[in-house]
Amino acid sequence: MPADQARARVDAALAAGGRLADDSCAPAWWSLASPDNKGVDIASWTDTTD
């Protein structure tokens, strides 16, 4: 997803009861887990032009 939306999605998932499983590669991606331990990654990209 666009980098300007990724952090908001992470924050929304945490506010909904999720937990942060790994943020060692943030802001490229975050690994989250739901309260019942189902995993999801949120990945971002930066739009660039060469």
PDB file of N, CA and C in Angstrom:
ATOM      1  N   MET A   1       0.835  -1.148   0.000  1.00  0.00           N
ATOM      2  CA  MET A   1       0.000   0.000   0.000  1.00  0.00           C
ATOM      3  C   MET A   1       0.887   1.219   0.000  1.00  0.00           C
ATOM      4  N   PRO A   2       0.350   2.356  -0.390  1.00  0.00           N
ATOM      5  CA  PRO A   2       1.151   3.576  -0.381  1.00  0.00           C
ATOM      6  C   PRO A   2       1.698   3.865   1.025  1.00  0.00           C
ATOM      7  N   ALA A   3       2.920   4.313   1.067  1.00  0.00           N
ATOM      8  CA  ALA A   3       3.593   4.554   2.343  1.00  0.00           C
ATOM      9  C   ALA A   3       2.824   5.520   3.227  1.00  0.00           C
ATOM     10  N   ASP A   4       2.124   6.478   2.644  1.00  0.00           N
ATOM     11  CA  ASP A   4       1.400   7.453   3.459  1.00  0.00           C
ATOM     12  C   ASP A   4       0.156   6.867   4.117  1.00  0.00           C
ATOM     13  N   GLN A   5      -0.232   5.645   3.768  1.00  0.00           N
ATOM     14  CA  GLN A   5      -1.394   4.995   4.381  1.00  0.00           C
ATOM     15  C   GLN A   5      -1.019   3.853   5.316  1.00  0.00           C
ATOM     16  N   ALA A   6       0.183   3.327   5.181  1.00  0.00           N
ATOM     17  CA  ALA A   6       0.565   2.124   5.917  1.00  0.00           C
ATOM     18  C   ALA A   6       0.534   2.316   7.427  1.00  0.00           C
ATOM     19  N   ARG A   7       1.132   3.387   7.918  1.00  0.00           N
ATOM     20  CA  ARG A   7       1.179   3.586   9.366  1.00  0.00           C
ATOM     21  C   ARG A   7      -0.217   3.745   9.954  1.00  0.00           C
ATOM     22  N   ALA A   8      -1.105   4.404   9.236  1.00  0.00           N
ATOM     23  CA  ALA A   8      -2.485   4.552   9.715  1.00  0.00           C
ATOM     24  C   ALA A   8      -3.171   3.197   9.803  1.00  0.00           C
ATOM     25  N   ARG A   9      -2.892   2.312   8.862  1.00  0.00           N
ATOM     26  CA  ARG A   9      -3.482   0.961   8.909  1.00  0.00           C
ATOM     27  C   ARG A   9      -2.946   0.174  10.094  1.00  0.00           C
ATOM     28  N   VAL A  10      -1.646   0.297  10.343  1.00  0.00           N
ATOM     29  CA  VAL A  10      -1.052  -0.374  11.504  1.00  0.00           C
ATOM     30  C   VAL A  10      -1.714   0.145  12.785  1.00  0.00           C
ATOM     31  N   ASP A  11      -1.817   1.457  12.909  1.00  0.00           N
ATOM     32  CA  ASP A  11      -2.427   2.052  14.102  1.00  0.00           C
ATOM     33  C   ASP A  11      -3.872   1.597  14.278  1.00  0.00           C
ATOM     34  N   ALA A  12      -4.623   1.502  13.184  1.00  0.00           N
ATOM     35  CA  ALA A  12      -6.017   1.052  13.257  1.00  0.00           C
ATOM     36  C   ALA A  12      -6.101  -0.406  13.712  1.00  0.00           C
ATOM     37  N   ALA A  13      -5.215  -1.244  13.209  1.00  0.00           N
ATOM     38  CA  ALA A  13      -5.215  -2.653  13.608  1.00  0.00           C
ATOM     39  C   ALA A  13      -4.877  -2.793  15.091  1.00  0.00           C
ATOM     40  N   LEU A  14      -3.935  -2.007  15.569  1.00  0.00           N
ATOM     41  CA  LEU A  14      -3.581  -2.052  16.988  1.00  0.00           C
ATOM     42  C   LEU A  14      -4.726  -1.541  17.856  1.00  0.00           C
ATOM     43  N   ALA A  15      -5.390  -0.494  17.411  1.00  0.00           N
ATOM     44  CA  ALA A  15      -6.524   0.052  18.158  1.00  0.00           C
ATOM     45  C   ALA A  15      -7.684  -0.934  18.212  1.00  0.00           C
ATOM     46  N   ALA A  16      -7.785  -1.815  17.224  1.00  0.00           N
ATOM     47  CA  ALA A  16      -8.859  -2.807  17.172  1.00  0.00           C
ATOM     48  C   ALA A  16      -8.528  -4.060  17.979  1.00  0.00           C
ATOM     49  N   GLY A  17      -7.387  -4.059  18.665  1.00  0.00           N
ATOM     50  CA  GLY A  17      -7.050  -5.192  19.519  1.00  0.00           C
ATOM     51  C   GLY A  17      -5.924  -6.057  19.015  1.00  0.00           C
ATOM     52  N   GLY A  18      -5.371  -5.729  17.865  1.00  0.00           N
ATOM     53  CA  GLY A  18      -4.238  -6.487  17.351  1.00  0.00           C
ATOM     54  C   GLY A  18      -2.981  -6.180  18.143  1.00  0.00           C
ATOM     55  N   ARG A  19      -1.955  -6.943  17.870  1.00  0.00           N
ATOM     56  CA  ARG A  19      -0.673  -6.677  18.530  1.00  0.00           C
ATOM     57  C   ARG A  19       0.434  -6.679  17.495  1.00  0.00           C
ATOM     58  N   LEU A  20       1.468  -5.954  17.779  1.00  0.00           N
ATOM     59  CA  LEU A  20       2.616  -5.866  16.901  1.00  0.00           C
ATOM     60  C   LEU A  20       3.500  -7.077  17.137  1.00  0.00           C
ATOM     61  N   ALA A  21       3.706  -7.886  16.111  1.00  0.00           N
ATOM     62  CA  ALA A  21       4.547  -9.074  16.237  1.00  0.00           C
ATOM     63  C   ALA A  21       5.997  -8.764  15.878  1.00  0.00           C
ATOM     64  N   ASP A  22       6.207  -7.897  14.879  1.00  0.00           N
ATOM     65  CA  ASP A  22       7.566  -7.568  14.450  1.00  0.00           C
ATOM     66  C   ASP A  22       7.531  -6.268  13.666  1.00  0.00           C
ATOM     67  N   ASP A  23       8.358  -5.336  14.067  1.00  0.00           N
ATOM     68  CA  ASP A  23       8.483  -4.093  13.314  1.00  0.00           C
ATOM     69  C   ASP A  23       9.939  -3.803  12.951  1.00  0.00           C
ATOM     70  N   SER A  24      10.747  -4.856  12.898  1.00  0.00           N
ATOM     71  CA  SER A  24      12.173  -4.686  12.634  1.00  0.00           C
ATOM     72  C   SER A  24      12.463  -4.166  11.227  1.00  0.00           C
ATOM     73  N   CYS A  25      11.509  -4.265  10.321  1.00  0.00           N
ATOM     74  CA  CYS A  25      11.697  -3.769   8.951  1.00  0.00           C
ATOM     75  C   CYS A  25      10.845  -2.542   8.652  1.00  0.00           C
ATOM     76  N   ALA A  26      10.208  -1.977   9.684  1.00  0.00           N
ATOM     77  CA  ALA A  26       9.392  -0.773   9.493  1.00  0.00           C
ATOM     78  C   ALA A  26      10.289   0.382   9.042  1.00  0.00           C
ATOM     79  N   PRO A  27       9.841   1.211   8.174  1.00  0.00           N
ATOM     80  CA  PRO A  27       8.494   1.360   7.660  1.00  0.00           C
ATOM     81  C   PRO A  27       8.212   0.582   6.375  1.00  0.00           C
ATOM     82  N   ALA A  28       9.094  -0.343   5.997  1.00  0.00           N
ATOM     83  CA  ALA A  28       8.829  -1.143   4.794  1.00  0.00           C
ATOM     84  C   ALA A  28       7.676  -2.122   5.031  1.00  0.00           C
ATOM     85  N   TRP A  29       7.668  -2.772   6.203  1.00  0.00           N
ATOM     86  CA  TRP A  29       6.524  -3.607   6.566  1.00  0.00           C
ATOM     87  C   TRP A  29       6.495  -3.881   8.048  1.00  0.00           C
ATOM     88  N   TRP A  30       5.296  -4.223   8.513  1.00  0.00           N
ATOM     89  CA  TRP A  30       5.035  -4.583   9.900  1.00  0.00           C
ATOM     90  C   TRP A  30       4.317  -5.926   9.882  1.00  0.00           C
ATOM     91  N   SER A  31       4.621  -6.770  10.851  1.00  0.00           N
ATOM     92  CA  SER A  31       3.885  -8.017  11.052  1.00  0.00           C
ATOM     93  C   SER A  31       3.019  -7.845  12.294  1.00  0.00           C
ATOM     94  N   LEU A  32       1.736  -8.117  12.127  1.00  0.00           N
ATOM     95  CA  LEU A  32       0.765  -7.962  13.204  1.00  0.00           C
ATOM     96  C   LEU A  32       0.092  -9.290  13.491  1.00  0.00           C
ATOM     97  N   ALA A  33      -0.521  -9.391  14.658  1.00  0.00           N
ATOM     98  CA  ALA A  33      -1.292 -10.576  15.010  1.00  0.00           C
ATOM     99  C   ALA A  33      -2.613 -10.131  15.618  1.00  0.00           C
ATOM    100  N   SER A  34      -3.666 -10.861  15.298  1.00  0.00           N
ATOM    101  CA  SER A  34      -4.984 -10.579  15.855  1.00  0.00           C
ATOM    102  C   SER A  34      -5.045 -11.143  17.277  1.00  0.00           C
ATOM    103  N   PRO A  35      -6.092 -10.793  18.029  1.00  0.00           N
ATOM    104  CA  PRO A  35      -6.222 -11.345  19.382  1.00  0.00           C
ATOM    105  C   PRO A  35      -6.233 -12.882  19.410  1.00  0.00           C
ATOM    106  N   ASP A  36      -6.719 -13.517  18.332  1.00  0.00           N
ATOM    107  CA  ASP A  36      -6.705 -14.980  18.294  1.00  0.00           C
ATOM    108  C   ASP A  36      -5.484 -15.521  17.543  1.00  0.00           C
ATOM    109  N   ASN A  37      -4.456 -14.675  17.415  1.00  0.00           N
ATOM    110  CA  ASN A  37      -3.132 -15.039  16.904  1.00  0.00           C
ATOM    111  C   ASN A  37      -3.084 -15.375  15.419  1.00  0.00           C
ATOM    112  N   LYS A  38      -3.933 -14.771  14.633  1.00  0.00           N
ATOM    113  CA  LYS A  38      -3.834 -14.879  13.178  1.00  0.00           C
ATOM    114  C   LYS A  38      -2.926 -13.748  12.709  1.00  0.00           C
ATOM    115  N   GLY A  39      -2.015 -14.032  11.793  1.00  0.00           N
ATOM    116  CA  GLY A  39      -1.021 -13.051  11.381  1.00  0.00           C
ATOM    117  C   GLY A  39      -1.369 -12.332  10.088  1.00  0.00           C
ATOM    118  N   VAL A  40      -0.851 -11.127   9.971  1.00  0.00           N
ATOM    119  CA  VAL A  40      -0.991 -10.339   8.753  1.00  0.00           C
ATOM    120  C   VAL A  40       0.209  -9.395   8.667  1.00  0.00           C
ATOM    121  N   ASP A  41       0.679  -9.154   7.451  1.00  0.00           N
ATOM    122  CA  ASP A  41       1.730  -8.174   7.223  1.00  0.00           C
ATOM    123  C   ASP A  41       1.139  -6.979   6.505  1.00  0.00           C
ATOM    124  N   ILE A  42       1.600  -5.813   6.882  1.00  0.00           N
ATOM    125  CA  ILE A  42       1.246  -4.590   6.180  1.00  0.00           C
ATOM    126  C   ILE A  42       2.534  -4.065   5.581  1.00  0.00           C
ATOM    127  N   ALA A  43       2.565  -3.983   4.254  1.00  0.00           N
ATOM    128  CA  ALA A  43       3.775  -3.550   3.551  1.00  0.00           C
ATOM    129  C   ALA A  43       3.488  -2.262   2.792  1.00  0.00           C
ATOM    130  N   SER A  44       4.504  -1.424   2.698  1.00  0.00           N
ATOM    131  CA  SER A  44       4.353  -0.159   1.997  1.00  0.00           C
ATOM    132  C   SER A  44       5.408  -0.045   0.912  1.00  0.00           C
ATOM    133  N   TRP A  45       5.188   0.881   0.037  1.00  0.00           N
ATOM    134  CA  TRP A  45       6.189   1.196  -0.971  1.00  0.00           C
ATOM    135  C   TRP A  45       6.251   2.714  -1.120  1.00  0.00           C
ATOM    136  N   THR A  46       7.370   3.154  -1.604  1.00  0.00           N
ATOM    137  CA  THR A  46       7.561   4.576  -1.852  1.00  0.00           C
ATOM    138  C   THR A  46       7.547   4.777  -3.358  1.00  0.00           C
ATOM    139  N   ASP A  47       6.688   5.650  -3.829  1.00  0.00           N
ATOM    140  CA  ASP A  47       6.652   5.949  -5.257  1.00  0.00           C
ATOM    141  C   ASP A  47       7.837   6.844  -5.590  1.00  0.00           C
ATOM    142  N   THR A  48       8.607   6.408  -6.555  1.00  0.00           N
ATOM    143  CA  THR A  48       9.742   7.199  -7.000  1.00  0.00           C
ATOM    144  C   THR A  48       9.762   7.262  -8.518  1.00  0.00           C
ATOM    145  N   THR A  49      10.358   8.280  -9.036  1.00  0.00           N
ATOM    146  CA  THR A  49      10.558   8.378 -10.481  1.00  0.00           C
ATOM    147  C   THR A  49      12.036   8.552 -10.733  1.00  0.00           C
ATOM    148  N   ASP A  50      12.520   7.936 -11.770  1.00  0.00           N
ATOM    149  CA  ASP A  50      13.948   8.018 -12.106  1.00  0.00           C
ATOM    150  C   ASP A  50      14.150   8.848 -13.336  1.00  0.00           C
TER     151      ASP A  50
END
